[in-house]
C-alpha atoms as a PDB file:
ATOM      1  CA  UNK A   1      65.603  70.655 124.936  1.00  0.00           C
ATOM      2  CA  UNK A   2      62.261  69.857 125.925  1.00  0.00           C
ATOM      3  CA  UNK A   3      60.061  68.206 123.319  1.00  0.00           C
ATOM      4  CA  UNK A   4      56.532  67.174 124.584  1.00  0.00           C
ATOM      5  CA  UNK A   5      54.708  64.703 122.055  1.00  0.00           C
ATOM      6  CA  UNK A   6      50.893  64.760 122.673  1.00  0.00           C
ATOM      7  CA  UNK A   7      48.299  61.996 121.078  1.00  0.00           C
ATOM      8  CA  UNK A   8      44.601  63.314 121.708  1.00  0.00           C
ATOM      9  CA  UNK A   9      42.093  60.277 120.281  1.00  0.00           C
ATOM     10  CA  UNK A  10      38.241  60.010 120.166  1.00  0.00           C
ATOM     11  CA  UNK A  11      35.018  59.961 118.347  1.00  0.00           C
ATOM     12  CA  UNK A  12      34.676  62.374 115.877  1.00  0.00           C
ATOM     13  CA  UNK A  13      32.369  65.124 117.230  1.00  0.00           C
ATOM     14  CA  UNK A  14      33.842  64.899 120.660  1.00  0.00           C
ATOM     15  CA  UNK A  15      36.435  67.926 120.237  1.00  0.00           C
ATOM     16  CA  UNK A  16      39.771  66.123 119.342  1.00  0.00           C
ATOM     17  CA  UNK A  17      40.826  68.213 116.797  1.00  0.00           C
ATOM     18  CA  UNK A  18      39.846  71.561 119.141  1.00  0.00           C
ATOM     19  CA  UNK A  19      41.492  70.547 121.741  1.00  0.00           C
ATOM     20  CA  UNK A  20      44.797  69.983 119.631  1.00  0.00           C
ATOM     21  CA  UNK A  21      44.661  72.934 118.128  1.00  0.00           C
ATOM     22  CA  UNK A  22      44.112  74.579 121.809  1.00  0.00           C
ATOM     23  CA  UNK A  23      47.167  72.877 123.033  1.00  0.00           C
ATOM     24  CA  UNK A  24      49.265  73.719 119.977  1.00  0.00           C
ATOM     25  CA  UNK A  25      48.423  77.896 119.946  1.00  0.00           C
ATOM     26  CA  UNK A  26      48.818  77.596 123.756  1.00  0.00           C
ATOM     27  CA  UNK A  27      52.483  76.245 123.106  1.00  0.00           C
ATOM     28  CA  UNK A  28      52.680  79.125 119.859  1.00  0.00           C
ATOM     29  CA  UNK A  29      51.755  81.699 122.182  1.00  0.00           C
ATOM     30  CA  UNK A  30      54.511  80.807 124.850  1.00  0.00           C
ATOM     31  CA  UNK A  31      56.822  80.614 121.945  1.00  0.00           C
ATOM     32  CA  UNK A  32      57.202  76.871 121.873  1.00  0.00           C
ATOM     33  CA  UNK A  33      57.754  75.501 118.439  1.00  0.00           C
ATOM     34  CA  UNK A  34      54.799  73.366 117.412  1.00  0.00           C
ATOM     35  CA  UNK A  35      53.406  70.481 115.059  1.00  0.00           C
ATOM     36  CA  UNK A  36      49.652  70.069 114.577  1.00  0.00           C
ATOM     37  CA  UNK A  37      48.568  66.851 112.875  1.00  0.00           C
ATOM     38  CA  UNK A  38      44.922  65.873 112.284  1.00  0.00           C
ATOM     39  CA  UNK A  39      43.800  62.717 111.441  1.00  0.00           C
ATOM     40  CA  UNK A  40      40.488  61.835 110.816  1.00  0.00           C
ATOM     41  CA  UNK A  41      38.134  58.913 108.756  1.00  0.00           C
ATOM     42  CA  UNK A  42      35.840  60.328 106.161  1.00  0.00           C
ATOM     43  CA  UNK A  43      33.085  60.304 108.776  1.00  0.00           C
ATOM     44  CA  UNK A  44      34.231  62.567 110.871  1.00  0.00           C
ATOM     45  CA  UNK A  45      31.440  62.921 113.152  1.00  0.00           C
ATOM     46  CA  UNK A  46      31.193  59.617 114.711  1.00  0.00           C
ATOM     47  CA  UNK A  47      34.254  58.565 113.290  1.00  0.00           C
ATOM     48  CA  UNK A  48      37.325  57.752 114.650  1.00  0.00           C
ATOM     49  CA  UNK A  49      39.241  61.318 114.851  1.00  0.00           C
ATOM     50  CA  UNK A  50      42.903  61.582 116.399  1.00  0.00           C
ATOM     51  CA  UNK A  51      45.580  64.933 116.138  1.00  0.00           C
ATOM     52  CA  UNK A  52      49.235  64.513 117.172  1.00  0.00           C
ATOM     53  CA  UNK A  53      50.472  67.612 118.728  1.00  0.00           C
ATOM     54  CA  UNK A  54      54.209  68.383 118.801  1.00  0.00           C
ATOM     55  CA  UNK A  55      55.448  71.657 121.226  1.00  0.00           C
ATOM     56  CA  UNK A  56      59.398  71.089 121.569  1.00  0.00           C
ATOM     57  CA  UNK A  57      61.721  74.198 122.790  1.00  0.00           C
ATOM     58  CA  UNK A  58      63.909  73.326 119.418  1.00  0.00           C
ATOM     59  CA  UNK A  59      62.520  72.991 115.569  1.00  0.00           C
ATOM     60  CA  UNK A  60      59.911  70.129 114.875  1.00  0.00           C
ATOM     61  CA  UNK A  61      61.586  67.578 112.222  1.00  0.00           C
ATOM     62  CA  UNK A  62      58.193  65.941 111.823  1.00  0.00           C
ATOM     63  CA  UNK A  63      54.576  65.621 112.786  1.00  0.00           C
ATOM     64  CA  UNK A  64      54.591  61.995 113.842  1.00  0.00           C
ATOM     65  CA  UNK A  65      53.679  61.129 117.067  1.00  0.00           C
ATOM     66  CA  UNK A  66      54.348  57.349 117.662  1.00  0.00           C
ATOM     67  CA  UNK A  67      55.297  57.219 120.804  1.00  0.00           C
ATOM     68  CA  UNK A  68      53.408  59.960 122.651  1.00  0.00           C
ATOM     69  CA  UNK A  69      54.147  61.544 125.840  1.00  0.00           C
ATOM     70  CA  UNK A  70      50.450  61.939 126.331  1.00  0.00           C
ATOM     71  CA  UNK A  71      47.758  60.336 125.507  1.00  0.00           C
ATOM     72  CA  UNK A  72      44.450  61.570 125.609  1.00  0.00           C
ATOM     73  CA  UNK A  73      41.829  59.281 124.674  1.00  0.00           C
ATOM     74  CA  UNK A  74      37.869  59.602 125.156  1.00  0.00           C
ATOM     75  CA  UNK A  75      36.449  56.344 124.081  1.00  0.00           C
ATOM     76  CA  UNK A  76      37.269  52.969 123.982  1.00  0.00           C
ATOM     77  CA  UNK A  77      38.504  52.254 120.497  1.00  0.00           C
ATOM     78  CA  UNK A  78      41.360  55.015 121.081  1.00  0.00           C
ATOM     79  CA  UNK A  79      42.629  53.771 124.277  1.00  0.00           C
ATOM     80  CA  UNK A  80      42.541  50.077 122.985  1.00  0.00           C
ATOM     81  CA  UNK A  81      44.715  51.426 119.969  1.00  0.00           C
ATOM     82  CA  UNK A  82      47.234  53.391 121.431  1.00  0.00           C
ATOM     83  CA  UNK A  83      47.630  52.946 124.820  1.00  0.00           C
ATOM     84  CA  UNK A  84      50.872  50.269 124.342  1.00  0.00           C
ATOM     85  CA  UNK A  85      52.354  53.172 121.960  1.00  0.00           C
ATOM     86  CA  UNK A  86      52.725  55.524 124.986  1.00  0.00           C
ATOM     87  CA  UNK A  87      56.126  55.687 126.220  1.00  0.00           C
ATOM     88  CA  UNK A  88      57.422  54.331 129.853  1.00  0.00           C
ATOM     89  CA  UNK A  89      56.959  56.881 132.392  1.00  0.00           C
ATOM     90  CA  UNK A  90      54.640  59.053 130.171  1.00  0.00           C
ATOM     91  CA  UNK A  91      50.722  60.339 131.011  1.00  0.00           C
ATOM     92  CA  UNK A  92      47.205  58.914 129.818  1.00  0.00           C
ATOM     93  CA  UNK A  93      44.075  60.533 130.605  1.00  0.00           C
ATOM     94  CA  UNK A  94      40.788  58.792 130.230  1.00  0.00           C
ATOM     95  CA  UNK A  95      37.519  59.561 130.320  1.00  0.00           C
ATOM     96  CA  UNK A  96      36.361  57.731 132.273  1.00  0.00           C
ATOM     97  CA  UNK A  97      32.539  58.063 131.874  1.00  0.00           C
ATOM     98  CA  UNK A  98      33.331  56.318 128.325  1.00  0.00           C
ATOM     99  CA  UNK A  99      36.109  53.758 128.907  1.00  0.00           C
ATOM    100  CA  UNK A 100      35.236  51.436 131.548  1.00  0.00           C
ATOM    101  CA  UNK A 101      38.483  49.361 131.407  1.00  0.00           C
ATOM    102  CA  UNK A 102      41.347  50.139 133.722  1.00  0.00           C
ATOM    103  CA  UNK A 103      44.917  50.889 131.766  1.00  0.00           C
ATOM    104  CA  UNK A 104      46.608  47.565 131.565  1.00  0.00           C
ATOM    105  CA  UNK A 105      50.159  49.251 132.221  1.00  0.00           C
ATOM    106  CA  UNK A 106      52.221  50.187 135.650  1.00  0.00           C
ATOM    107  CA  UNK A 107      54.959  51.944 133.757  1.00  0.00           C
ATOM    108  CA  UNK A 108      52.723  55.089 133.195  1.00  0.00           C
ATOM    109  CA  UNK A 109      50.762  58.188 135.279  1.00  0.00           C
ATOM    110  CA  UNK A 110      47.055  57.135 134.697  1.00  0.00           C
ATOM    111  CA  UNK A 111      44.040  59.894 135.515  1.00  0.00           C
ATOM    112  CA  UNK A 112      40.077  58.786 134.838  1.00  0.00           C
ATOM    113  CA  UNK A 113      38.379  61.918 134.806  1.00  0.00           C
ATOM    114  CA  UNK A 114      34.342  61.577 134.070  1.00  0.00           C
ATOM    115  CA  UNK A 115      34.956  64.177 131.989  1.00  0.00           C
ATOM    116  CA  UNK A 116      31.391  63.365 129.999  1.00  0.00           C
ATOM    117  CA  UNK A 117      29.561  63.007 133.121  1.00  0.00           C
ATOM    118  CA  UNK A 118      31.020  66.128 134.583  1.00  0.00           C
ATOM    119  CA  UNK A 119      30.230  68.108 131.218  1.00  0.00           C
ATOM    120  CA  UNK A 120      26.718  66.906 131.646  1.00  0.00           C
ATOM    121  CA  UNK A 121      26.046  67.424 135.047  1.00  0.00           C
ATOM    122  CA  UNK A 122      27.534  71.120 134.497  1.00  0.00           C
ATOM    123  CA  UNK A 123      25.529  71.979 131.907  1.00  0.00           C
ATOM    124  CA  UNK A 124      28.403  72.086 129.308  1.00  0.00           C
ATOM    125  CA  UNK A 125      27.947  68.376 127.265  1.00  0.00           C
ATOM    126  CA  UNK A 126      29.894  69.681 124.828  1.00  0.00           C
ATOM    127  CA  UNK A 127      33.212  70.531 126.389  1.00  0.00           C
ATOM    128  CA  UNK A 128      34.374  67.217 128.137  1.00  0.00           C
ATOM    129  CA  UNK A 129      37.355  67.556 125.846  1.00  0.00           C
ATOM    130  CA  UNK A 130      38.479  70.780 127.375  1.00  0.00           C
ATOM    131  CA  UNK A 131      37.847  69.493 130.722  1.00  0.00           C
ATOM    132  CA  UNK A 132      40.092  66.654 129.977  1.00  0.00           C
ATOM    133  CA  UNK A 133      42.882  69.104 128.919  1.00  0.00           C
ATOM    134  CA  UNK A 134      42.064  70.838 132.236  1.00  0.00           C
ATOM    135  CA  UNK A 135      43.230  67.982 134.129  1.00  0.00           C
ATOM    136  CA  UNK A 136      46.000  67.418 131.845  1.00  0.00           C
ATOM    137  CA  UNK A 137      47.660  70.497 131.714  1.00  0.00           C
ATOM    138  CA  UNK A 138      47.352  70.158 135.758  1.00  0.00           C
ATOM    139  CA  UNK A 139      49.056  67.161 136.192  1.00  0.00           C
ATOM    140  CA  UNK A 140      51.645  68.630 133.777  1.00  0.00           C
ATOM    141  CA  UNK A 141      52.218  71.473 135.213  1.00  0.00           C
ATOM    142  CA  UNK A 142      51.513  73.432 132.462  1.00  0.00           C
ATOM    143  CA  UNK A 143      48.249  75.321 133.410  1.00  0.00           C
ATOM    144  CA  UNK A 144      48.296  79.137 133.487  1.00  0.00           C
ATOM    145  CA  UNK A 145      45.124  81.465 133.483  1.00  0.00           C
ATOM    146  CA  UNK A 146      47.461  83.710 130.687  1.00  0.00           C
ATOM    147  CA  UNK A 147      48.556  80.186 128.650  1.00  0.00           C
ATOM    148  CA  UNK A 148      44.898  79.077 128.247  1.00  0.00           C
ATOM    149  CA  UNK A 149      43.936  82.856 127.741  1.00  0.00           C
ATOM    150  CA  UNK A 150      46.164  83.070 124.923  1.00  0.00           C
ATOM    151  CA  UNK A 151      45.192  79.446 123.463  1.00  0.00           C
ATOM    152  CA  UNK A 152      41.396  80.077 123.661  1.00  0.00           C
ATOM    153  CA  UNK A 153      42.027  83.399 122.176  1.00  0.00           C
ATOM    154  CA  UNK A 154      43.405  82.093 119.032  1.00  0.00           C
ATOM    155  CA  UNK A 155      41.124  78.983 119.080  1.00  0.00           C
ATOM    156  CA  UNK A 156      37.833  80.411 119.593  1.00  0.00           C
ATOM    157  CA  UNK A 157      36.428  82.364 117.124  1.00  0.00           C
ATOM    158  CA  UNK A 158      35.272  86.097 116.974  1.00  0.00           C
ATOM    159  CA  UNK A 159      31.644  84.635 116.147  1.00  0.00           C
ATOM    160  CA  UNK A 160      31.926  81.933 119.290  1.00  0.00           C
ATOM    161  CA  UNK A 161      33.132  84.436 121.390  1.00  0.00           C
ATOM    162  CA  UNK A 162      30.064  83.497 123.662  1.00  0.00           C
ATOM    163  CA  UNK A 163      32.132  80.248 124.650  1.00  0.00           C
ATOM    164  CA  UNK A 164      34.975  81.340 126.306  1.00  0.00           C
ATOM    165  CA  UNK A 165      33.901  81.636 129.456  1.00  0.00           C
ATOM    166  CA  UNK A 166      32.070  78.526 129.395  1.00  0.00           C
ATOM    167  CA  UNK A 167      35.333  76.723 128.154  1.00  0.00           C
ATOM    168  CA  UNK A 168      37.351  78.206 130.833  1.00  0.00           C
ATOM    169  CA  UNK A 169      34.839  76.669 133.048  1.00  0.00           C
ATOM    170  CA  UNK A 170      35.412  73.148 131.706  1.00  0.00           C
ATOM    171  CA  UNK A 171      39.009  73.664 131.672  1.00  0.00           C
ATOM    172  CA  UNK A 172      38.975  74.873 135.711  1.00  0.00           C
ATOM    173  CA  UNK A 173      36.406  71.745 136.316  1.00  0.00           C
ATOM    174  CA  UNK A 174      39.609  69.677 135.050  1.00  0.00           C
ATOM    175  CA  UNK A 175      41.776  71.212 136.832  1.00  0.00           C
ATOM    176  CA  UNK A 176      39.633  70.709 140.464  1.00  0.00           C
ATOM    177  CA  UNK A 177      39.181  67.105 139.769  1.00  0.00           C
END
């Protein structure tokens, strides 16, 4: 049985819940069992937001992720809070534009992506989250054009259809970083 537990965390407004939803829908379109559990403070924009996602071949018993296989930290408070929880052998993806310190553990796979800077430099300042998603999917050997297309089709509303190509651009930037 293959099960991967993800924890996405950052400031509200960084697209944490969107990133988690994208991964969850990508899993659903690939006939996986999925759990998506958002968590955020009362000040959603600017406060801390996190999102737990479980993708599995078997039914998911609980949506709680206490020992993630994959941590995506888009700010320092998130890294400080969740770094110790990642399973040994797991993955940590950190936005190195906003997180200046290095990961203190040596039993995890670490990727530093200057996502906020890359997003700004490429004219997509609100898509640092998707740049990190691209890198994460690439490193987990789960980056497929069809999977990305299917996931984006589910999370981007018809009203925001113009954002699809920009999200694909951001995912590609991350995958190629």
